[in-house]
Amino acid sequence: MPCHGRPMGTAAEASGDASLRPKKWGLAKLEMPIKEIIMTLDTLKYSIQTGREFEFSYRGAEYSITYSFEGEKQTIHLCQFDQTSVDFDSIGHLIDSAKVGNEYLRDILDSIEDVTIY
């Protein structure tokens, strides 16, 4: 299924499970989108662990990282807009395997642009 831009809320909102709602201060406590973030591996991991979804640009193409739930199973979706998403079953799997174009996401984090975290 193709993805189409802005995420539809946090993973906690998507699941309806209050136990998944972030409890730490930082990115997860903000109600509005955060723009102009310099993405690092730590920011990526923290954002995913706390249920944040985000959009970014790389080499003129737009991407998103979103979530879905089936029961308690979370799936992380990496998608170039209007393309089919690539699904990952864990943060580790995403970090180890996710590619943006022909490059690993983990290797281009300092080069992605227009990062917005929701």
PDB file of N, CA and C in Angstrom:
ATOM      1  N   MET A   1       0.844  -1.175   0.000  1.00  0.00           N
ATOM      2  CA  MET A   1       0.000   0.000   0.000  1.00  0.00           C
ATOM      3  C   MET A   1       0.890   1.239   0.000  1.00  0.00           C
ATOM      4  N   PRO A   2       0.663   2.184  -0.916  1.00  0.00           N
ATOM      5  CA  PRO A   2       1.482   3.394  -0.959  1.00  0.00           C
ATOM      6  C   PRO A   2       1.232   4.287   0.241  1.00  0.00           C
ATOM      7  N   CYS A   3       2.265   4.995   0.664  1.00  0.00           N
ATOM      8  CA  CYS A   3       2.088   5.975   1.727  1.00  0.00           C
ATOM      9  C   CYS A   3       1.937   7.347   1.090  1.00  0.00           C
ATOM     10  N   HIS A   4       1.323   8.264   1.823  1.00  0.00           N
ATOM     11  CA  HIS A   4       1.016   9.581   1.271  1.00  0.00           C
ATOM     12  C   HIS A   4       1.281  10.686   2.268  1.00  0.00           C
ATOM     13  N   GLY A   5       2.500  10.899   2.671  1.00  0.00           N
ATOM     14  CA  GLY A   5       2.795  12.086   3.450  1.00  0.00           C
ATOM     15  C   GLY A   5       2.540  11.985   4.925  1.00  0.00           C
ATOM     16  N   ARG A   6       2.079  13.069   5.522  1.00  0.00           N
ATOM     17  CA  ARG A   6       2.041  13.271   6.954  1.00  0.00           C
ATOM     18  C   ARG A   6       1.510  12.080   7.742  1.00  0.00           C
ATOM     19  N   PRO A   7       2.299  11.669   8.763  1.00  0.00           N
ATOM     20  CA  PRO A   7       1.861  10.602   9.653  1.00  0.00           C
ATOM     21  C   PRO A   7       0.549  10.963  10.355  1.00  0.00           C
ATOM     22  N   MET A   8      -0.148   9.968  10.786  1.00  0.00           N
ATOM     23  CA  MET A   8      -1.467  10.162  11.393  1.00  0.00           C
ATOM     24  C   MET A   8      -1.425  10.048  12.912  1.00  0.00           C
ATOM     25  N   GLY A   9      -0.460  10.627  13.562  1.00  0.00           N
ATOM     26  CA  GLY A   9      -0.375  10.580  15.017  1.00  0.00           C
ATOM     27  C   GLY A   9       0.735   9.651  15.461  1.00  0.00           C
ATOM     28  N   THR A  10       0.947   9.613  16.762  1.00  0.00           N
ATOM     29  CA  THR A  10       2.015   8.779  17.293  1.00  0.00           C
ATOM     30  C   THR A  10       1.599   7.322  17.331  1.00  0.00           C
ATOM     31  N   ALA A  11       2.562   6.455  17.564  1.00  0.00           N
ATOM     32  CA  ALA A  11       2.274   5.029  17.677  1.00  0.00           C
ATOM     33  C   ALA A  11       1.299   4.770  18.815  1.00  0.00           C
ATOM     34  N   ALA A  12       1.427   5.514  19.911  1.00  0.00           N
ATOM     35  CA  ALA A  12       0.508   5.342  21.038  1.00  0.00           C
ATOM     36  C   ALA A  12      -0.919   5.690  20.631  1.00  0.00           C
ATOM     37  N   GLU A  13      -1.074   6.769  19.860  1.00  0.00           N
ATOM     38  CA  GLU A  13      -2.405   7.139  19.396  1.00  0.00           C
ATOM     39  C   GLU A  13      -2.962   6.089  18.453  1.00  0.00           C
ATOM     40  N   ALA A  14      -2.112   5.565  17.577  1.00  0.00           N
ATOM     41  CA  ALA A  14      -2.556   4.571  16.603  1.00  0.00           C
ATOM     42  C   ALA A  14      -3.023   3.292  17.284  1.00  0.00           C
ATOM     43  N   SER A  15      -2.328   2.897  18.339  1.00  0.00           N
ATOM     44  CA  SER A  15      -2.663   1.638  18.989  1.00  0.00           C
ATOM     45  C   SER A  15      -3.802   1.783  19.982  1.00  0.00           C
ATOM     46  N   GLY A  16      -3.993   3.006  20.500  1.00  0.00           N
ATOM     47  CA  GLY A  16      -4.994   3.204  21.538  1.00  0.00           C
ATOM     48  C   GLY A  16      -4.537   2.687  22.891  1.00  0.00           C
ATOM     49  N   ASP A  17      -3.311   2.235  22.992  1.00  0.00           N
ATOM     50  CA  ASP A  17      -2.775   1.652  24.217  1.00  0.00           C
ATOM     51  C   ASP A  17      -2.071   2.723  25.039  1.00  0.00           C
ATOM     52  N   ALA A  18      -2.647   3.112  26.157  1.00  0.00           N
ATOM     53  CA  ALA A  18      -2.083   4.156  27.002  1.00  0.00           C
ATOM     54  C   ALA A  18      -0.703   3.778  27.523  1.00  0.00           C
ATOM     55  N   SER A  19      -0.396   2.493  27.667  1.00  0.00           N
ATOM     56  CA  SER A  19       0.912   2.088  28.184  1.00  0.00           C
ATOM     57  C   SER A  19       2.027   2.405  27.198  1.00  0.00           C
ATOM     58  N   LEU A  20       1.697   2.626  25.926  1.00  0.00           N
ATOM     59  CA  LEU A  20       2.709   2.956  24.933  1.00  0.00           C
ATOM     60  C   LEU A  20       2.983   4.449  24.859  1.00  0.00           C
ATOM     61  N   ARG A  21       2.181   5.249  25.538  1.00  0.00           N
ATOM     62  CA  ARG A  21       2.388   6.692  25.480  1.00  0.00           C
ATOM     63  C   ARG A  21       3.702   7.037  26.163  1.00  0.00           C
ATOM     64  N   PRO A  22       4.497   7.881  25.539  1.00  0.00           N
ATOM     65  CA  PRO A  22       5.787   8.251  26.099  1.00  0.00           C
ATOM     66  C   PRO A  22       5.650   8.921  27.452  1.00  0.00           C
ATOM     67  N   LYS A  23       6.582   8.624  28.356  1.00  0.00           N
ATOM     68  CA  LYS A  23       6.527   9.172  29.696  1.00  0.00           C
ATOM     69  C   LYS A  23       7.739  10.050  30.006  1.00  0.00           C
ATOM     70  N   LYS A  24       8.672  10.178  29.081  1.00  0.00           N
ATOM     71  CA  LYS A  24       9.878  10.957  29.305  1.00  0.00           C
ATOM     72  C   LYS A  24       9.721  12.352  28.740  1.00  0.00           C
ATOM     73  N   TRP A  25      10.500  13.283  29.276  1.00  0.00           N
ATOM     74  CA  TRP A  25      10.570  14.618  28.711  1.00  0.00           C
ATOM     75  C   TRP A  25      11.390  14.549  27.443  1.00  0.00           C
ATOM     76  N   GLY A  26      11.280  15.521  26.618  1.00  0.00           N
ATOM     77  CA  GLY A  26      12.047  15.567  25.380  1.00  0.00           C
ATOM     78  C   GLY A  26      11.110  15.586  24.194  1.00  0.00           C
ATOM     79  N   LEU A  27      11.530  14.997  23.120  1.00  0.00           N
ATOM     80  CA  LEU A  27      10.750  15.021  21.887  1.00  0.00           C
ATOM     81  C   LEU A  27       9.334  14.513  22.077  1.00  0.00           C
ATOM     82  N   ALA A  28       9.176  13.470  22.884  1.00  0.00           N
ATOM     83  CA  ALA A  28       7.878  12.815  23.012  1.00  0.00           C
ATOM     84  C   ALA A  28       6.840  13.660  23.737  1.00  0.00           C
ATOM     85  N   LYS A  29       7.252  14.671  24.499  1.00  0.00           N
ATOM     86  CA  LYS A  29       6.298  15.472  25.258  1.00  0.00           C
ATOM     87  C   LYS A  29       5.690  16.611  24.443  1.00  0.00           C
ATOM     88  N   LEU A  30       6.239  16.889  23.277  1.00  0.00           N
ATOM     89  CA  LEU A  30       5.772  18.016  22.499  1.00  0.00           C
ATOM     90  C   LEU A  30       4.503  17.670  21.741  1.00  0.00           C
ATOM     91  N   GLU A  31       3.590  18.619  21.698  1.00  0.00           N
ATOM     92  CA  GLU A  31       2.317  18.417  21.026  1.00  0.00           C
ATOM     93  C   GLU A  31       2.381  18.796  19.545  1.00  0.00           C
ATOM     94  N   MET A  32       3.272  19.727  19.203  1.00  0.00           N
ATOM     95  CA  MET A  32       3.357  20.214  17.834  1.00  0.00           C
ATOM     96  C   MET A  32       4.516  19.524  17.125  1.00  0.00           C
ATOM     97  N   PRO A  33       4.486  19.492  15.794  1.00  0.00           N
ATOM     98  CA  PRO A  33       5.623  18.929  15.059  1.00  0.00           C
ATOM     99  C   PRO A  33       6.906  19.695  15.357  1.00  0.00           C
ATOM    100  N   ILE A  34       8.012  18.982  15.351  1.00  0.00           N
ATOM    101  CA  ILE A  34       9.324  19.579  15.559  1.00  0.00           C
ATOM    102  C   ILE A  34       9.976  19.639  14.192  1.00  0.00           C
ATOM    103  N   LYS A  35      10.454  20.816  13.813  1.00  0.00           N
ATOM    104  CA  LYS A  35      11.076  20.974  12.498  1.00  0.00           C
ATOM    105  C   LYS A  35      12.547  21.335  12.655  1.00  0.00           C
ATOM    106  N   GLU A  36      13.261  21.192  11.569  1.00  0.00           N
ATOM    107  CA  GLU A  36      14.670  21.575  11.510  1.00  0.00           C
ATOM    108  C   GLU A  36      15.529  20.812  12.511  1.00  0.00           C
ATOM    109  N   ILE A  37      15.320  19.541  12.619  1.00  0.00           N
ATOM    110  CA  ILE A  37      16.110  18.658  13.477  1.00  0.00           C
ATOM    111  C   ILE A  37      17.299  18.136  12.671  1.00  0.00           C
ATOM    112  N   ILE A  38      18.447  18.055  13.308  1.00  0.00           N
ATOM    113  CA  ILE A  38      19.579  17.355  12.698  1.00  0.00           C
ATOM    114  C   ILE A  38      19.486  15.921  13.196  1.00  0.00           C
ATOM    115  N   MET A  39      19.240  15.006  12.293  1.00  0.00           N
ATOM    116  CA  MET A  39      18.995  13.619  12.665  1.00  0.00           C
ATOM    117  C   MET A  39      20.315  12.903  12.945  1.00  0.00           C
ATOM    118  N   THR A  40      20.354  12.239  14.087  1.00  0.00           N
ATOM    119  CA  THR A  40      21.473  11.373  14.448  1.00  0.00           C
ATOM    120  C   THR A  40      20.913   9.981  14.710  1.00  0.00           C
ATOM    121  N   LEU A  41      21.780   9.006  14.852  1.00  0.00           N
ATOM    122  CA  LEU A  41      21.319   7.656  15.153  1.00  0.00           C
ATOM    123  C   LEU A  41      20.587   7.636  16.495  1.00  0.00           C
ATOM    124  N   ASP A  42      21.092   8.373  17.492  1.00  0.00           N
ATOM    125  CA  ASP A  42      20.427   8.426  18.797  1.00  0.00           C
ATOM    126  C   ASP A  42      19.046   9.071  18.692  1.00  0.00           C
ATOM    127  N   THR A  43      18.928  10.144  17.899  1.00  0.00           N
ATOM    128  CA  THR A  43      17.623  10.796  17.719  1.00  0.00           C
ATOM    129  C   THR A  43      16.657   9.855  17.023  1.00  0.00           C
ATOM    130  N   LEU A  44      17.129   9.138  16.016  1.00  0.00           N
ATOM    131  CA  LEU A  44      16.288   8.171  15.310  1.00  0.00           C
ATOM    132  C   LEU A  44      15.788   7.099  16.270  1.00  0.00           C
ATOM    133  N   LYS A  45      16.689   6.494  17.033  1.00  0.00           N
ATOM    134  CA  LYS A  45      16.302   5.440  17.980  1.00  0.00           C
ATOM    135  C   LYS A  45      15.310   5.968  19.013  1.00  0.00           C
ATOM    136  N   TYR A  46      15.618   7.123  19.598  1.00  0.00           N
ATOM    137  CA  TYR A  46      14.751   7.692  20.633  1.00  0.00           C
ATOM    138  C   TYR A  46      13.370   8.019  20.065  1.00  0.00           C
ATOM    139  N   SER A  47      13.347   8.592  18.877  1.00  0.00           N
ATOM    140  CA  SER A  47      12.067   8.957  18.257  1.00  0.00           C
ATOM    141  C   SER A  47      11.197   7.729  18.042  1.00  0.00           C
ATOM    142  N   ILE A  48      11.788   6.655  17.578  1.00  0.00           N
ATOM    143  CA  ILE A  48      11.031   5.428  17.326  1.00  0.00           C
ATOM    144  C   ILE A  48      10.605   4.795  18.648  1.00  0.00           C
ATOM    145  N   GLN A  49      11.503   4.747  19.628  1.00  0.00           N
ATOM    146  CA  GLN A  49      11.174   4.147  20.932  1.00  0.00           C
ATOM    147  C   GLN A  49      10.039   4.881  21.624  1.00  0.00           C
ATOM    148  N   THR A  50       9.928   6.187  21.404  1.00  0.00           N
ATOM    149  CA  THR A  50       8.889   6.975  22.069  1.00  0.00           C
ATOM    150  C   THR A  50       7.668   7.200  21.187  1.00  0.00           C
ATOM    151  N   GLY A  51       7.596   6.494  20.060  1.00  0.00           N
ATOM    152  CA  GLY A  51       6.391   6.536  19.244  1.00  0.00           C
ATOM    153  C   GLY A  51       6.262   7.732  18.336  1.00  0.00           C
ATOM    154  N   ARG A  52       7.351   8.430  18.082  1.00  0.00           N
ATOM    155  CA  ARG A  52       7.294   9.581  17.184  1.00  0.00           C
ATOM    156  C   ARG A  52       7.356   9.097  15.739  1.00  0.00           C
ATOM    157  N   GLU A  53       6.647   9.773  14.877  1.00  0.00           N
ATOM    158  CA  GLU A  53       6.699   9.497  13.450  1.00  0.00           C
ATOM    159  C   GLU A  53       7.334  10.711  12.785  1.00  0.00           C
ATOM    160  N   PHE A  54       7.961  10.512  11.652  1.00  0.00           N
ATOM    161  CA  PHE A  54       8.599  11.662  11.038  1.00  0.00           C
ATOM    162  C   PHE A  54       8.683  11.561   9.532  1.00  0.00           C
ATOM    163  N   GLU A  55       8.959  12.733   8.963  1.00  0.00           N
ATOM    164  CA  GLU A  55       9.157  12.892   7.534  1.00  0.00           C
ATOM    165  C   GLU A  55      10.523  13.520   7.322  1.00  0.00           C
ATOM    166  N   PHE A  56      11.113  13.231   6.166  1.00  0.00           N
ATOM    167  CA  PHE A  56      12.388  13.851   5.827  1.00  0.00           C
ATOM    168  C   PHE A  56      12.566  13.814   4.320  1.00  0.00           C
ATOM    169  N   SER A  57      13.541  14.588   3.848  1.00  0.00           N
ATOM    170  CA  SER A  57      13.886  14.609   2.429  1.00  0.00           C
ATOM    171  C   SER A  57      15.326  14.153   2.276  1.00  0.00           C
ATOM    172  N   TYR A  58      15.578  13.476   1.166  1.00  0.00           N
ATOM    173  CA  TYR A  58      16.942  13.083   0.827  1.00  0.00           C
ATOM    174  C   TYR A  58      17.066  13.075  -0.684  1.00  0.00           C
ATOM    175  N   ARG A  59      18.000  13.860  -1.180  1.00  0.00           N
ATOM    176  CA  ARG A  59      18.250  13.981  -2.616  1.00  0.00           C
ATOM    177  C   ARG A  59      16.980  14.269  -3.409  1.00  0.00           C
ATOM    178  N   GLY A  60      16.161  15.180  -2.872  1.00  0.00           N
ATOM    179  CA  GLY A  60      14.970  15.634  -3.568  1.00  0.00           C
ATOM    180  C   GLY A  60      13.731  14.766  -3.426  1.00  0.00           C
ATOM    181  N   ALA A  61      13.858  13.624  -2.764  1.00  0.00           N
ATOM    182  CA  ALA A  61      12.697  12.750  -2.555  1.00  0.00           C
ATOM    183  C   ALA A  61      12.247  12.859  -1.098  1.00  0.00           C
ATOM    184  N   GLU A  62      10.953  12.682  -0.864  1.00  0.00           N
ATOM    185  CA  GLU A  62      10.394  12.764   0.486  1.00  0.00           C
ATOM    186  C   GLU A  62      10.079  11.373   1.005  1.00  0.00           C
ATOM    187  N   TYR A  63      10.333  11.173   2.310  1.00  0.00           N
ATOM    188  CA  TYR A  63      10.152   9.884   2.971  1.00  0.00           C
ATOM    189  C   TYR A  63       9.417  10.080   4.281  1.00  0.00           C
ATOM    190  N   SER A  64       8.846   8.999   4.788  1.00  0.00           N
ATOM    191  CA  SER A  64       8.246   9.017   6.119  1.00  0.00           C
ATOM    192  C   SER A  64       8.570   7.712   6.841  1.00  0.00           C
ATOM    193  N   ILE A  65       8.571   7.800   8.155  1.00  0.00           N
ATOM    194  CA  ILE A  65       8.638   6.609   9.001  1.00  0.00           C
ATOM    195  C   ILE A  65       7.403   6.667   9.886  1.00  0.00           C
ATOM    196  N   THR A  66       6.549   5.649   9.752  1.00  0.00           N
ATOM    197  CA  THR A  66       5.289   5.569  10.488  1.00  0.00           C
ATOM    198  C   THR A  66       5.164   4.177  11.098  1.00  0.00           C
ATOM    199  N   TYR A  67       4.037   3.928  11.767  1.00  0.00           N
ATOM    200  CA  TYR A  67       3.830   2.675  12.490  1.00  0.00           C
ATOM    201  C   TYR A  67       2.433   2.144  12.243  1.00  0.00           C
ATOM    202  N   SER A  68       2.307   0.855  12.441  1.00  0.00           N
ATOM    203  CA  SER A  68       0.980   0.253  12.514  1.00  0.00           C
ATOM    204  C   SER A  68       1.043  -0.842  13.574  1.00  0.00           C
ATOM    205  N   PHE A  69      -0.123  -1.228  14.043  1.00  0.00           N
ATOM    206  CA  PHE A  69      -0.216  -2.253  15.083  1.00  0.00           C
ATOM    207  C   PHE A  69      -1.222  -3.306  14.682  1.00  0.00           C
ATOM    208  N   GLU A  70      -0.890  -4.541  14.980  1.00  0.00           N
ATOM    209  CA  GLU A  70      -1.821  -5.652  14.884  1.00  0.00           C
ATOM    210  C   GLU A  70      -1.748  -6.332  16.237  1.00  0.00           C
ATOM    211  N   GLY A  71      -2.748  -6.079  17.067  1.00  0.00           N
ATOM    212  CA  GLY A  71      -2.664  -6.520  18.461  1.00  0.00           C
ATOM    213  C   GLY A  71      -1.526  -5.776  19.124  1.00  0.00           C
ATOM    214  N   GLU A  72      -0.591  -6.505  19.703  1.00  0.00           N
ATOM    215  CA  GLU A  72       0.558  -5.868  20.346  1.00  0.00           C
ATOM    216  C   GLU A  72       1.780  -5.811  19.441  1.00  0.00           C
ATOM    217  N   LYS A  73       1.671  -6.346  18.230  1.00  0.00           N
ATOM    218  CA  LYS A  73       2.798  -6.352  17.300  1.00  0.00           C
ATOM    219  C   LYS A  73       2.867  -5.021  16.565  1.00  0.00           C
ATOM    220  N   GLN A  74       4.001  -4.336  16.711  1.00  0.00           N
ATOM    221  CA  GLN A  74       4.222  -3.071  16.032  1.00  0.00           C
ATOM    222  C   GLN A  74       5.040  -3.319  14.768  1.00  0.00           C
ATOM    223  N   THR A  75       4.668  -2.660  13.696  1.00  0.00           N
ATOM    224  CA  THR A  75       5.435  -2.689  12.463  1.00  0.00           C
ATOM    225  C   THR A  75       5.855  -1.262  12.149  1.00  0.00           C
ATOM    226  N   ILE A  76       7.119  -1.085  11.803  1.00  0.00           N
ATOM    227  CA  ILE A  76       7.660   0.221  11.437  1.00  0.00           C
ATOM    228  C   ILE A  76       7.713   0.272   9.916  1.00  0.00           C
ATOM    229  N   HIS A  77       7.182   1.349   9.350  1.00  0.00           N
ATOM    230  CA  HIS A  77       7.114   1.502   7.896  1.00  0.00           C
ATOM    231  C   HIS A  77       8.026   2.633   7.444  1.00  0.00           C
ATOM    232  N   LEU A  78       8.934   2.346   6.527  1.00  0.00           N
ATOM    233  CA  LEU A  78       9.742   3.366   5.867  1.00  0.00           C
ATOM    234  C   LEU A  78       9.214   3.482   4.448  1.00  0.00           C
ATOM    235  N   CYS A  79       8.891   4.703   4.036  1.00  0.00           N
ATOM    236  CA  CYS A  79       8.234   4.854   2.745  1.00  0.00           C
ATOM    237  C   CYS A  79       8.683   6.125   2.042  1.00  0.00           C
ATOM    238  N   GLN A  80       9.033   5.979   0.770  1.00  0.00           N
ATOM    239  CA  GLN A  80       9.160   7.150  -0.086  1.00  0.00           C
ATOM    240  C   GLN A  80       7.744   7.502  -0.497  1.00  0.00           C
ATOM    241  N   PHE A  81       7.372   8.791  -0.419  1.00  0.00           N
ATOM    242  CA  PHE A  81       5.998   9.192  -0.695  1.00  0.00           C
ATOM    243  C   PHE A  81       5.524   8.643  -2.032  1.00  0.00           C
ATOM    244  N   ASP A  82       4.311   8.165  -2.023  1.00  0.00           N
ATOM    245  CA  ASP A  82       3.640   7.590  -3.183  1.00  0.00           C
ATOM    246  C   ASP A  82       4.314   6.320  -3.707  1.00  0.00           C
ATOM    247  N   GLN A  83       5.050   5.639  -2.852  1.00  0.00           N
ATOM    248  CA  GLN A  83       5.660   4.357  -3.167  1.00  0.00           C
ATOM    249  C   GLN A  83       5.193   3.346  -2.118  1.00  0.00           C
ATOM    250  N   THR A  84       5.450   2.108  -2.329  1.00  0.00           N
ATOM    251  CA  THR A  84       5.107   1.072  -1.362  1.00  0.00           C
ATOM    252  C   THR A  84       6.092   1.115  -0.205  1.00  0.00           C
ATOM    253  N   SER A  85       5.586   0.961   1.013  1.00  0.00           N
ATOM    254  CA  SER A  85       6.457   1.017   2.187  1.00  0.00           C
ATOM    255  C   SER A  85       7.266  -0.266   2.325  1.00  0.00           C
ATOM    256  N   VAL A  86       8.405  -0.140   3.005  1.00  0.00           N
ATOM    257  CA  VAL A  86       9.213  -1.280   3.399  1.00  0.00           C
ATOM    258  C   VAL A  86       9.004  -1.420   4.897  1.00  0.00           C
ATOM    259  N   ASP A  87       8.661  -2.625   5.354  1.00  0.00           N
ATOM    260  CA  ASP A  87       8.264  -2.837   6.744  1.00  0.00           C
ATOM    261  C   ASP A  87       9.370  -3.516   7.549  1.00  0.00           C
ATOM    262  N   PHE A  88       9.455  -3.112   8.829  1.00  0.00           N
ATOM    263  CA  PHE A  88      10.456  -3.636   9.753  1.00  0.00           C
ATOM    264  C   PHE A  88       9.763  -4.009  11.056  1.00  0.00           C
ATOM    265  N   ASP A  89      10.212  -5.091  11.674  1.00  0.00           N
ATOM    266  CA  ASP A  89       9.551  -5.561  12.891  1.00  0.00           C
ATOM    267  C   ASP A  89      10.203  -5.065  14.175  1.00  0.00           C
ATOM    268  N   SER A  90      11.303  -4.305  14.056  1.00  0.00           N
ATOM    269  CA  SER A  90      11.959  -3.762  15.254  1.00  0.00           C
ATOM    270  C   SER A  90      12.847  -2.586  14.860  1.00  0.00           C
ATOM    271  N   ILE A  91      13.249  -1.816  15.861  1.00  0.00           N
ATOM    272  CA  ILE A  91      14.173  -0.704  15.629  1.00  0.00           C
ATOM    273  C   ILE A  91      15.497  -1.246  15.096  1.00  0.00           C
ATOM    274  N   GLY A  92      15.977  -2.333  15.687  1.00  0.00           N
ATOM    275  CA  GLY A  92      17.235  -2.931  15.249  1.00  0.00           C
ATOM    276  C   GLY A  92      17.192  -3.351  13.791  1.00  0.00           C
ATOM    277  N   HIS A  93      16.077  -3.963  13.402  1.00  0.00           N
ATOM    278  CA  HIS A  93      15.904  -4.385  12.006  1.00  0.00           C
ATOM    279  C   HIS A  93      15.917  -3.176  11.072  1.00  0.00           C
ATOM    280  N   LEU A  94      15.241  -2.097  11.469  1.00  0.00           N
ATOM    281  CA  LEU A  94      15.225  -0.874  10.675  1.00  0.00           C
ATOM    282  C   LEU A  94      16.643  -0.316  10.539  1.00  0.00           C
ATOM    283  N   ILE A  95      17.357  -0.192  11.649  1.00  0.00           N
ATOM    284  CA  ILE A  95      18.704   0.383  11.628  1.00  0.00           C
ATOM    285  C   ILE A  95      19.665  -0.486  10.824  1.00  0.00           C
ATOM    286  N   ASP A  96      19.551  -1.790  10.951  1.00  0.00           N
ATOM    287  CA  ASP A  96      20.450  -2.703  10.242  1.00  0.00           C
ATOM    288  C   ASP A  96      20.153  -2.806   8.755  1.00  0.00           C
ATOM    289  N   SER A  97      18.884  -2.638   8.351  1.00  0.00           N
ATOM    290  CA  SER A  97      18.485  -3.005   6.986  1.00  0.00           C
ATOM    291  C   SER A  97      17.887  -1.897   6.136  1.00  0.00           C
ATOM    292  N   ALA A  98      17.377  -0.816   6.747  1.00  0.00           N
ATOM    293  CA  ALA A  98      16.637   0.190   5.977  1.00  0.00           C
ATOM    294  C   ALA A  98      17.528   0.904   4.969  1.00  0.00           C
ATOM    295  N   LYS A  99      17.039   0.980   3.736  1.00  0.00           N
ATOM    296  CA  LYS A  99      17.753   1.695   2.684  1.00  0.00           C
ATOM    297  C   LYS A  99      16.892   2.831   2.151  1.00  0.00           C
ATOM    298  N   VAL A 100      17.563   3.923   1.859  1.00  0.00           N
ATOM    299  CA  VAL A 100      16.956   5.062   1.188  1.00  0.00           C
ATOM    300  C   VAL A 100      17.689   5.148  -0.141  1.00  0.00           C
ATOM    301  N   GLY A 101      16.990   4.819  -1.188  1.00  0.00           N
ATOM    302  CA  GLY A 101      17.671   4.647  -2.471  1.00  0.00           C
ATOM    303  C   GLY A 101      18.585   3.437  -2.355  1.00  0.00           C
ATOM    304  N   ASN A 102      19.840   3.620  -2.664  1.00  0.00           N
ATOM    305  CA  ASN A 102      20.816   2.528  -2.574  1.00  0.00           C
ATOM    306  C   ASN A 102      21.697   2.623  -1.339  1.00  0.00           C
ATOM    307  N   GLU A 103      21.350   3.528  -0.411  1.00  0.00           N
ATOM    308  CA  GLU A 103      22.193   3.760   0.756  1.00  0.00           C
ATOM    309  C   GLU A 103      21.449   3.379   2.030  1.00  0.00           C
ATOM    310  N   TYR A 104      22.199   2.893   3.007  1.00  0.00           N
ATOM    311  CA  TYR A 104      21.587   2.572   4.293  1.00  0.00           C
ATOM    312  C   TYR A 104      21.192   3.856   5.007  1.00  0.00           C
ATOM    313  N   LEU A 105      20.002   3.855   5.581  1.00  0.00           N
ATOM    314  CA  LEU A 105      19.501   5.015   6.318  1.00  0.00           C
ATOM    315  C   LEU A 105      20.499   5.441   7.385  1.00  0.00           C
ATOM    316  N   ARG A 106      21.045   4.493   8.126  1.00  0.00           N
ATOM    317  CA  ARG A 106      21.979   4.813   9.222  1.00  0.00           C
ATOM    318  C   ARG A 106      23.207   5.572   8.721  1.00  0.00           C
ATOM    319  N   ASP A 107      23.589   5.386   7.446  1.00  0.00           N
ATOM    320  CA  ASP A 107      24.783   6.026   6.900  1.00  0.00           C
ATOM    321  C   ASP A 107      24.533   7.429   6.358  1.00  0.00           C
ATOM    322  N   ILE A 108      23.276   7.796   6.155  1.00  0.00           N
ATOM    323  CA  ILE A 108      22.967   9.100   5.555  1.00  0.00           C
ATOM    324  C   ILE A 108      22.244  10.043   6.516  1.00  0.00           C
ATOM    325  N   LEU A 109      22.117   9.659   7.771  1.00  0.00           N
ATOM    326  CA  LEU A 109      21.336  10.466   8.712  1.00  0.00           C
ATOM    327  C   LEU A 109      21.789  11.919   8.762  1.00  0.00           C
ATOM    328  N   ASP A 110      23.091  12.161   8.692  1.00  0.00           N
ATOM    329  CA  ASP A 110      23.571  13.538   8.769  1.00  0.00           C
ATOM    330  C   ASP A 110      23.352  14.305   7.464  1.00  0.00           C
ATOM    331  N   SER A 111      22.871  13.636   6.431  1.00  0.00           N
ATOM    332  CA  SER A 111      22.636  14.278   5.129  1.00  0.00           C
ATOM    333  C   SER A 111      21.165  14.472   4.807  1.00  0.00           C
ATOM    334  N   ILE A 112      20.271  13.891   5.612  1.00  0.00           N
ATOM    335  CA  ILE A 112      18.862  14.082   5.299  1.00  0.00           C
ATOM    336  C   ILE A 112      18.436  15.496   5.684  1.00  0.00           C
ATOM    337  N   GLU A 113      17.410  15.997   5.011  1.00  0.00           N
ATOM    338  CA  GLU A 113      16.978  17.375   5.183  1.00  0.00           C
ATOM    339  C   GLU A 113      15.498  17.442   5.516  1.00  0.00           C
ATOM    340  N   ASP A 114      15.074  18.630   5.900  1.00  0.00           N
ATOM    341  CA  ASP A 114      13.661  18.910   6.142  1.00  0.00           C
ATOM    342  C   ASP A 114      13.023  17.894   7.075  1.00  0.00           C
ATOM    343  N   VAL A 115      13.713  17.545   8.146  1.00  0.00           N
ATOM    344  CA  VAL A 115      13.198  16.565   9.109  1.00  0.00           C
ATOM    345  C   VAL A 115      12.099  17.220   9.939  1.00  0.00           C
ATOM    346  N   THR A 116      10.950  16.563   9.983  1.00  0.00           N
ATOM    347  CA  THR A 116       9.854  16.981  10.857  1.00  0.00           C
ATOM    348  C   THR A 116       9.452  15.775  11.679  1.00  0.00           C
ATOM    349  N   ILE A 117       9.468  15.921  13.009  1.00  0.00           N
ATOM    350  CA  ILE A 117       9.081  14.838  13.917  1.00  0.00           C
ATOM    351  C   ILE A 117       7.707  15.166  14.479  1.00  0.00           C
ATOM    352  N   TYR A 118       6.800  14.211  14.429  1.00  0.00           N
ATOM    353  CA  TYR A 118       5.433  14.386  14.936  1.00  0.00           C
ATOM    354  C   TYR A 118       5.250  13.668  16.242  1.00  0.00           C
TER     355      TYR A 118
END
